[in-house]
C-alpha atoms as a PDB file:
ATOM      1  CA  UNK A   1     -86.043  30.163 -58.527  1.00  0.00           C
ATOM      2  CA  UNK A   2     -88.458  28.061 -60.544  1.00  0.00           C
ATOM      3  CA  UNK A   3     -89.307  31.035 -62.769  1.00  0.00           C
ATOM      4  CA  UNK A   4     -85.691  32.042 -63.360  1.00  0.00           C
ATOM      5  CA  UNK A   5     -83.899  31.065 -66.565  1.00  0.00           C
ATOM      6  CA  UNK A   6     -80.633  31.152 -64.616  1.00  0.00           C
ATOM      7  CA  UNK A   7     -81.392  28.361 -62.172  1.00  0.00           C
ATOM      8  CA  UNK A   8     -81.713  24.769 -63.362  1.00  0.00           C
ATOM      9  CA  UNK A   9     -82.666  22.009 -60.973  1.00  0.00           C
ATOM     10  CA  UNK A  10     -84.503  18.739 -60.891  1.00  0.00           C
ATOM     11  CA  UNK A  11     -86.589  17.076 -58.226  1.00  0.00           C
ATOM     12  CA  UNK A  12     -83.966  14.354 -57.942  1.00  0.00           C
ATOM     13  CA  UNK A  13     -81.264  16.945 -57.272  1.00  0.00           C
ATOM     14  CA  UNK A  14     -83.352  18.716 -54.634  1.00  0.00           C
ATOM     15  CA  UNK A  15     -84.253  15.382 -52.993  1.00  0.00           C
ATOM     16  CA  UNK A  16     -80.582  14.348 -52.868  1.00  0.00           C
ATOM     17  CA  UNK A  17     -79.577  17.677 -51.314  1.00  0.00           C
ATOM     18  CA  UNK A  18     -82.377  17.476 -48.737  1.00  0.00           C
ATOM     19  CA  UNK A  19     -81.324  13.945 -47.766  1.00  0.00           C
ATOM     20  CA  UNK A  20     -77.799  15.241 -47.176  1.00  0.00           C
ATOM     21  CA  UNK A  21     -79.123  18.056 -44.988  1.00  0.00           C
ATOM     22  CA  UNK A  22     -81.128  15.475 -43.017  1.00  0.00           C
ATOM     23  CA  UNK A  23     -77.954  13.511 -42.261  1.00  0.00           C
ATOM     24  CA  UNK A  24     -76.448  16.655 -40.744  1.00  0.00           C
ATOM     25  CA  UNK A  25     -79.545  17.475 -38.696  1.00  0.00           C
ATOM     26  CA  UNK A  26     -80.462  20.628 -40.609  1.00  0.00           C
ATOM     27  CA  UNK A  27     -83.717  19.206 -41.977  1.00  0.00           C
ATOM     28  CA  UNK A  28     -86.123  16.496 -40.878  1.00  0.00           C
ATOM     29  CA  UNK A  29     -87.930  14.326 -43.435  1.00  0.00           C
ATOM     30  CA  UNK A  30     -91.677  14.282 -42.823  1.00  0.00           C
ATOM     31  CA  UNK A  31     -92.509  11.909 -45.695  1.00  0.00           C
ATOM     32  CA  UNK A  32     -93.792  12.209 -49.252  1.00  0.00           C
ATOM     33  CA  UNK A  33     -91.021  14.616 -50.253  1.00  0.00           C
ATOM     34  CA  UNK A  34     -91.831  17.030 -47.432  1.00  0.00           C
ATOM     35  CA  UNK A  35     -89.035  18.373 -45.232  1.00  0.00           C
ATOM     36  CA  UNK A  36     -89.006  20.728 -42.271  1.00  0.00           C
ATOM     37  CA  UNK A  37     -86.111  22.829 -41.079  1.00  0.00           C
ATOM     38  CA  UNK A  38     -84.716  22.060 -37.622  1.00  0.00           C
ATOM     39  CA  UNK A  39     -83.580  24.583 -35.040  1.00  0.00           C
ATOM     40  CA  UNK A  40     -80.009  23.811 -36.130  1.00  0.00           C
ATOM     41  CA  UNK A  41     -81.021  24.519 -39.722  1.00  0.00           C
ATOM     42  CA  UNK A  42     -82.450  27.877 -38.636  1.00  0.00           C
ATOM     43  CA  UNK A  43     -79.225  28.649 -36.773  1.00  0.00           C
ATOM     44  CA  UNK A  44     -77.215  27.822 -39.902  1.00  0.00           C
ATOM     45  CA  UNK A  45     -79.367  30.100 -42.077  1.00  0.00           C
ATOM     46  CA  UNK A  46     -79.009  32.892 -39.525  1.00  0.00           C
ATOM     47  CA  UNK A  47     -75.219  32.529 -39.576  1.00  0.00           C
ATOM     48  CA  UNK A  48     -75.125  31.307 -35.978  1.00  0.00           C
ATOM     49  CA  UNK A  49     -73.916  27.781 -36.787  1.00  0.00           C
ATOM     50  CA  UNK A  50     -70.825  26.767 -38.738  1.00  0.00           C
ATOM     51  CA  UNK A  51     -71.612  23.727 -40.900  1.00  0.00           C
ATOM     52  CA  UNK A  52     -67.997  22.587 -40.531  1.00  0.00           C
ATOM     53  CA  UNK A  53     -68.809  21.805 -36.893  1.00  0.00           C
ATOM     54  CA  UNK A  54     -71.574  19.315 -37.821  1.00  0.00           C
ATOM     55  CA  UNK A  55     -71.187  15.547 -37.899  1.00  0.00           C
ATOM     56  CA  UNK A  56     -73.299  13.280 -40.082  1.00  0.00           C
ATOM     57  CA  UNK A  57     -75.719  11.141 -38.101  1.00  0.00           C
END
């Protein structure tokens, strides 16, 4: 994505999106801008979890 002329993003945008995913339990914040995907996040990416069923923590 970073090499594509079609995709524009900023670190602030990515950080904001990751924080949102943390509130829904799809990512966990490890510190210093590092995130890890949770088992629920893996399920979502695999199509086994409907995000509409998630509640913000």
